[in-house]
Amino acid sequence: MADRRILYGLAIGLAIMLAMVWWATHRDRHAQEAGGSSIRVVSSRVGRAFAETSDRASNGTSPSSPTGSLDMANLTVNERSEALDHRPRDPVWSAKTEATLGDQLRDSGIAPGEIRCADTLCLVKGTVATTSPADRQRVVDQLVRGRLHAAYERAGIAPMQAINIDADDAGTISFTEYVQRK
């Protein structure tokens, strides 16, 4: 009887573990097929990519992007955050750009959140309050299609063609976007 309970417990544990592995390997594909996005936590690639970019810069070879910053087109939100944390801050440009971005977001009807710039890379977070499901969809469509591009253009920066958008039950839409100096 005790052996049967142990085997039953092991079978349940194995089933749970297999379900977790399946979910971890299929959730990204499912989110992309549904038109959404997912966040992958990958820390080793950014450190290596950042080190490789720093090595090329110190050796006099050209970095991986035209602006002299890390080529971040294929990095996740977490990887971009780590890259931003490792970049030196340009005090004059960063302070001016952060203030300009805050003003531009407010002028666009967006409540600015965290805005943080380094030497050539900025993190921009903001929220937009909506009143109806149709209004939410319109705001999301505008964010995806570049509602902020004119504001970024005036601030002298360019979006990196990746934006993370979340919505809560109250209708507030939050976004996180990384942009780079032109």
C-alpha atoms as a PDB file:
ATOM      1  CA  MET A   1       0.000   0.000   0.000  1.00  0.00           C
ATOM      2  CA  ALA A   2       2.812   2.419   0.908  1.00  0.00           C
ATOM      3  CA  ASP A   3       4.675   1.523  -2.287  1.00  0.00           C
ATOM      4  CA  ARG A   4       1.571   2.348  -4.299  1.00  0.00           C
ATOM      5  CA  ARG A   5       1.342   5.825  -2.669  1.00  0.00           C
ATOM      6  CA  ILE A   6       5.009   6.517  -3.345  1.00  0.00           C
ATOM      7  CA  LEU A   7       4.619   5.536  -7.000  1.00  0.00           C
ATOM      8  CA  TYR A   8       1.470   7.642  -7.270  1.00  0.00           C
ATOM      9  CA  GLY A   9       3.306  10.656  -5.760  1.00  0.00           C
ATOM     10  CA  LEU A  10       6.249  10.188  -8.118  1.00  0.00           C
ATOM     11  CA  ALA A  11       3.893   9.949 -11.108  1.00  0.00           C
ATOM     12  CA  ILE A  12       2.146  13.187 -10.122  1.00  0.00           C
ATOM     13  CA  GLY A  13       5.493  14.928  -9.574  1.00  0.00           C
ATOM     14  CA  LEU A  14       6.744  13.770 -12.966  1.00  0.00           C
ATOM     15  CA  ALA A  15       3.539  14.949 -14.651  1.00  0.00           C
ATOM     16  CA  ILE A  16       3.864  18.386 -13.054  1.00  0.00           C
ATOM     17  CA  MET A  17       7.508  18.660 -14.069  1.00  0.00           C
ATOM     18  CA  LEU A  18       6.721  17.676 -17.673  1.00  0.00           C
ATOM     19  CA  ALA A  19       3.899  20.219 -17.796  1.00  0.00           C
ATOM     20  CA  MET A  20       6.249  22.952 -16.559  1.00  0.00           C
ATOM     21  CA  VAL A  21       8.871  22.054 -19.176  1.00  0.00           C
ATOM     22  CA  TRP A  22       6.246  22.038 -21.920  1.00  0.00           C
ATOM     23  CA  TRP A  23       4.919  25.445 -20.792  1.00  0.00           C
ATOM     24  CA  ALA A  24       8.410  26.972 -20.645  1.00  0.00           C
ATOM     25  CA  THR A  25       9.226  25.809 -24.175  1.00  0.00           C
ATOM     26  CA  HIS A  26       5.877  26.707 -25.780  1.00  0.00           C
ATOM     27  CA  ARG A  27       4.728  29.940 -24.133  1.00  0.00           C
ATOM     28  CA  ASP A  28       6.950  32.211 -26.279  1.00  0.00           C
ATOM     29  CA  ARG A  29       5.706  30.625 -29.511  1.00  0.00           C
ATOM     30  CA  HIS A  30       2.074  30.818 -28.334  1.00  0.00           C
ATOM     31  CA  ALA A  31       2.388  34.503 -27.395  1.00  0.00           C
ATOM     32  CA  GLN A  32       3.963  35.373 -30.744  1.00  0.00           C
ATOM     33  CA  GLU A  33       1.272  33.476 -32.685  1.00  0.00           C
ATOM     34  CA  ALA A  34      -1.395  35.347 -30.718  1.00  0.00           C
ATOM     35  CA  GLY A  35       0.212  38.662 -31.646  1.00  0.00           C
ATOM     36  CA  GLY A  36       1.535  39.320 -28.157  1.00  0.00           C
ATOM     37  CA  SER A  37       4.961  39.386 -26.689  1.00  0.00           C
ATOM     38  CA  SER A  38       6.684  37.549 -23.922  1.00  0.00           C
ATOM     39  CA  ILE A  39       9.644  38.282 -21.740  1.00  0.00           C
ATOM     40  CA  ARG A  40      12.568  35.898 -21.615  1.00  0.00           C
ATOM     41  CA  VAL A  41      15.062  36.216 -18.789  1.00  0.00           C
ATOM     42  CA  VAL A  42      18.498  35.656 -20.270  1.00  0.00           C
ATOM     43  CA  SER A  43      21.432  37.184 -18.488  1.00  0.00           C
ATOM     44  CA  SER A  44      24.574  35.603 -19.917  1.00  0.00           C
ATOM     45  CA  ARG A  45      24.178  36.875 -23.495  1.00  0.00           C
ATOM     46  CA  VAL A  46      24.041  40.566 -22.567  1.00  0.00           C
ATOM     47  CA  GLY A  47      27.162  40.409 -20.453  1.00  0.00           C
ATOM     48  CA  ARG A  48      29.008  38.672 -23.270  1.00  0.00           C
ATOM     49  CA  ALA A  49      27.588  41.020 -25.936  1.00  0.00           C
ATOM     50  CA  PHE A  50      28.422  44.054 -23.821  1.00  0.00           C
ATOM     51  CA  ALA A  51      31.956  42.777 -23.211  1.00  0.00           C
ATOM     52  CA  GLU A  52      32.443  42.060 -26.924  1.00  0.00           C
ATOM     53  CA  THR A  53      31.269  45.575 -27.820  1.00  0.00           C
ATOM     54  CA  SER A  54      33.544  47.102 -25.179  1.00  0.00           C
ATOM     55  CA  ASP A  55      36.490  45.030 -26.455  1.00  0.00           C
ATOM     56  CA  ARG A  56      35.895  46.188 -30.053  1.00  0.00           C
ATOM     57  CA  ALA A  57      35.641  49.795 -28.923  1.00  0.00           C
ATOM     58  CA  SER A  58      38.865  49.569 -26.904  1.00  0.00           C
ATOM     59  CA  ASN A  59      40.667  47.841 -29.800  1.00  0.00           C
ATOM     60  CA  GLY A  60      39.686  50.617 -32.194  1.00  0.00           C
ATOM     61  CA  THR A  61      37.327  48.430 -34.219  1.00  0.00           C
ATOM     62  CA  SER A  62      33.816  49.602 -34.872  1.00  0.00           C
ATOM     63  CA  PRO A  63      31.087  48.603 -32.467  1.00  0.00           C
ATOM     64  CA  SER A  64      28.080  46.656 -33.624  1.00  0.00           C
ATOM     65  CA  SER A  65      25.810  49.569 -34.513  1.00  0.00           C
ATOM     66  CA  PRO A  66      26.229  52.896 -36.344  1.00  0.00           C
ATOM     67  CA  THR A  67      25.652  54.957 -33.195  1.00  0.00           C
ATOM     68  CA  GLY A  68      28.480  53.249 -31.355  1.00  0.00           C
ATOM     69  CA  SER A  69      26.061  51.469 -29.045  1.00  0.00           C
ATOM     70  CA  LEU A  70      25.373  47.811 -28.529  1.00  0.00           C
ATOM     71  CA  ASP A  71      23.293  46.298 -31.358  1.00  0.00           C
ATOM     72  CA  MET A  72      20.164  45.541 -29.365  1.00  0.00           C
ATOM     73  CA  ALA A  73      17.694  44.585 -32.100  1.00  0.00           C
ATOM     74  CA  ASN A  74      17.476  40.965 -30.945  1.00  0.00           C
ATOM     75  CA  LEU A  75      17.683  41.532 -27.181  1.00  0.00           C
ATOM     76  CA  THR A  76      14.758  41.051 -24.819  1.00  0.00           C
ATOM     77  CA  VAL A  77      13.473  43.761 -22.486  1.00  0.00           C
ATOM     78  CA  ASN A  78      15.485  42.274 -19.613  1.00  0.00           C
ATOM     79  CA  GLU A  79      18.635  42.115 -21.722  1.00  0.00           C
ATOM     80  CA  ARG A  80      18.196  45.736 -22.814  1.00  0.00           C
ATOM     81  CA  SER A  81      17.728  46.782 -19.200  1.00  0.00           C
ATOM     82  CA  GLU A  82      20.979  45.069 -18.266  1.00  0.00           C
ATOM     83  CA  ALA A  83      22.761  46.714 -21.198  1.00  0.00           C
ATOM     84  CA  LEU A  84      21.470  50.153 -20.119  1.00  0.00           C
ATOM     85  CA  ASP A  85      22.706  49.514 -16.580  1.00  0.00           C
ATOM     86  CA  HIS A  86      26.217  48.820 -17.936  1.00  0.00           C
ATOM     87  CA  ARG A  87      26.472  51.914 -20.130  1.00  0.00           C
ATOM     88  CA  PRO A  88      28.197  55.101 -18.948  1.00  0.00           C
ATOM     89  CA  ARG A  89      26.027  58.195 -18.507  1.00  0.00           C
ATOM     90  CA  ASP A  90      26.588  61.283 -20.651  1.00  0.00           C
ATOM     91  CA  PRO A  91      25.557  63.863 -18.013  1.00  0.00           C
ATOM     92  CA  VAL A  92      24.719  66.740 -20.361  1.00  0.00           C
ATOM     93  CA  TRP A  93      22.987  64.797 -23.131  1.00  0.00           C
ATOM     94  CA  SER A  94      21.201  62.430 -20.725  1.00  0.00           C
ATOM     95  CA  ALA A  95      19.747  65.156 -18.505  1.00  0.00           C
ATOM     96  CA  LYS A  96      18.612  67.230 -21.493  1.00  0.00           C
ATOM     97  CA  THR A  97      17.094  64.203 -23.275  1.00  0.00           C
ATOM     98  CA  GLU A  98      15.285  62.965 -20.156  1.00  0.00           C
ATOM     99  CA  ALA A  99      13.706  66.406 -19.628  1.00  0.00           C
ATOM    100  CA  THR A 100      12.785  66.748 -23.324  1.00  0.00           C
ATOM    101  CA  LEU A 101      11.246  63.270 -23.406  1.00  0.00           C
ATOM    102  CA  GLY A 102       9.159  63.991 -20.305  1.00  0.00           C
ATOM    103  CA  ASP A 103       7.832  67.184 -21.897  1.00  0.00           C
ATOM    104  CA  GLN A 104       7.167  65.457 -25.236  1.00  0.00           C
ATOM    105  CA  LEU A 105       5.251  62.610 -23.554  1.00  0.00           C
ATOM    106  CA  ARG A 106       3.083  65.037 -21.575  1.00  0.00           C
ATOM    107  CA  ASP A 107       2.396  67.002 -24.784  1.00  0.00           C
ATOM    108  CA  SER A 108       1.291  63.701 -26.410  1.00  0.00           C
ATOM    109  CA  GLY A 109      -1.225  62.996 -23.620  1.00  0.00           C
ATOM    110  CA  ILE A 110       0.950  60.376 -21.956  1.00  0.00           C
ATOM    111  CA  ALA A 111       1.873  60.343 -18.270  1.00  0.00           C
ATOM    112  CA  PRO A 112       5.642  59.833 -18.217  1.00  0.00           C
ATOM    113  CA  GLY A 113       7.012  57.152 -15.913  1.00  0.00           C
ATOM    114  CA  GLU A 114      10.668  56.300 -15.565  1.00  0.00           C
ATOM    115  CA  ILE A 115      12.846  57.985 -18.181  1.00  0.00           C
ATOM    116  CA  ARG A 116      16.523  57.115 -17.923  1.00  0.00           C
ATOM    117  CA  CYS A 117      19.305  57.737 -20.417  1.00  0.00           C
ATOM    118  CA  ALA A 118      22.928  56.640 -20.577  1.00  0.00           C
ATOM    119  CA  ASP A 119      25.372  57.668 -23.313  1.00  0.00           C
ATOM    120  CA  THR A 120      23.333  56.599 -26.371  1.00  0.00           C
ATOM    121  CA  LEU A 121      20.493  54.534 -24.956  1.00  0.00           C
ATOM    122  CA  CYS A 122      17.298  55.524 -23.106  1.00  0.00           C
ATOM    123  CA  LEU A 123      14.560  53.691 -21.276  1.00  0.00           C
ATOM    124  CA  VAL A 124      11.141  55.322 -21.661  1.00  0.00           C
ATOM    125  CA  LYS A 125       8.131  54.252 -19.592  1.00  0.00           C
ATOM    126  CA  GLY A 126       4.715  55.844 -19.572  1.00  0.00           C
ATOM    127  CA  THR A 127       1.009  55.285 -19.031  1.00  0.00           C
ATOM    128  CA  VAL A 128      -2.137  56.222 -20.882  1.00  0.00           C
ATOM    129  CA  ALA A 129      -5.569  56.093 -19.227  1.00  0.00           C
ATOM    130  CA  THR A 130      -8.384  54.809 -21.451  1.00  0.00           C
ATOM    131  CA  THR A 131     -12.137  54.721 -20.975  1.00  0.00           C
ATOM    132  CA  SER A 132     -13.412  51.845 -23.106  1.00  0.00           C
ATOM    133  CA  PRO A 133     -12.160  48.646 -24.759  1.00  0.00           C
ATOM    134  CA  ALA A 134     -12.297  50.363 -28.160  1.00  0.00           C
ATOM    135  CA  ASP A 135     -10.253  53.273 -26.784  1.00  0.00           C
ATOM    136  CA  ARG A 136      -7.712  50.814 -25.336  1.00  0.00           C
ATOM    137  CA  GLN A 137      -7.323  49.095 -28.693  1.00  0.00           C
ATOM    138  CA  ARG A 138      -6.880  52.462 -30.442  1.00  0.00           C
ATOM    139  CA  VAL A 139      -4.144  53.515 -27.975  1.00  0.00           C
ATOM    140  CA  VAL A 140      -2.333  50.173 -28.297  1.00  0.00           C
ATOM    141  CA  ASP A 141      -2.495  50.416 -32.101  1.00  0.00           C
ATOM    142  CA  GLN A 142      -1.099  53.956 -31.961  1.00  0.00           C
ATOM    143  CA  LEU A 143       1.729  52.930 -29.632  1.00  0.00           C
ATOM    144  CA  VAL A 144       2.647  49.988 -31.849  1.00  0.00           C
ATOM    145  CA  ARG A 145       2.438  52.051 -35.043  1.00  0.00           C
ATOM    146  CA  GLY A 146       4.565  54.864 -33.689  1.00  0.00           C
ATOM    147  CA  ARG A 147       2.461  57.386 -31.756  1.00  0.00           C
ATOM    148  CA  LEU A 148       5.647  58.472 -30.010  1.00  0.00           C
ATOM    149  CA  HIS A 149       7.895  58.656 -33.079  1.00  0.00           C
ATOM    150  CA  ALA A 150       7.318  62.395 -33.599  1.00  0.00           C
ATOM    151  CA  ALA A 151       8.163  63.052 -29.934  1.00  0.00           C
ATOM    152  CA  TYR A 152      11.291  60.929 -30.261  1.00  0.00           C
ATOM    153  CA  GLU A 153      12.262  62.746 -33.453  1.00  0.00           C
ATOM    154  CA  ARG A 154      12.020  66.125 -31.682  1.00  0.00           C
ATOM    155  CA  ALA A 155      14.186  64.757 -28.855  1.00  0.00           C
ATOM    156  CA  GLY A 156      16.858  63.548 -31.322  1.00  0.00           C
ATOM    157  CA  ILE A 157      16.401  59.849 -30.640  1.00  0.00           C
ATOM    158  CA  ALA A 158      15.036  56.863 -32.558  1.00  0.00           C
ATOM    159  CA  PRO A 159      12.948  53.912 -31.345  1.00  0.00           C
ATOM    160  CA  MET A 160      14.518  50.469 -31.460  1.00  0.00           C
ATOM    161  CA  GLN A 161      11.383  48.928 -33.022  1.00  0.00           C
ATOM    162  CA  ALA A 162      10.374  47.008 -29.903  1.00  0.00           C
ATOM    163  CA  ILE A 163       7.815  48.106 -27.353  1.00  0.00           C
ATOM    164  CA  ASN A 164       6.359  46.242 -24.379  1.00  0.00           C
ATOM    165  CA  ILE A 165       2.717  47.154 -23.670  1.00  0.00           C
ATOM    166  CA  ASP A 166       0.620  46.057 -20.689  1.00  0.00           C
ATOM    167  CA  ALA A 167      -2.955  46.936 -19.677  1.00  0.00           C
ATOM    168  CA  ASP A 168      -4.722  46.605 -16.357  1.00  0.00           C
ATOM    169  CA  ASP A 169      -8.404  45.968 -15.642  1.00  0.00           C
ATOM    170  CA  ALA A 170      -9.041  49.678 -15.022  1.00  0.00           C
ATOM    171  CA  GLY A 171      -8.014  50.542 -18.590  1.00  0.00           C
ATOM    172  CA  THR A 172      -4.576  52.002 -17.884  1.00  0.00           C
ATOM    173  CA  ILE A 173      -2.068  51.098 -20.569  1.00  0.00           C
ATOM    174  CA  SER A 174       1.596  51.017 -19.567  1.00  0.00           C
ATOM    175  CA  PHE A 175       4.473  50.803 -22.002  1.00  0.00           C
ATOM    176  CA  THR A 176       8.226  50.345 -21.899  1.00  0.00           C
ATOM    177  CA  GLU A 177      10.352  51.245 -24.885  1.00  0.00           C
ATOM    178  CA  TYR A 178      14.074  51.543 -25.486  1.00  0.00           C
ATOM    179  CA  VAL A 179      15.302  54.278 -27.801  1.00  0.00           C
ATOM    180  CA  GLN A 180      18.736  55.308 -28.969  1.00  0.00           C
ATOM    181  CA  ARG A 181      20.552  58.492 -29.829  1.00  0.00           C
ATOM    182  CA  LYS A 182      20.672  59.377 -33.520  1.00  0.00           C
END
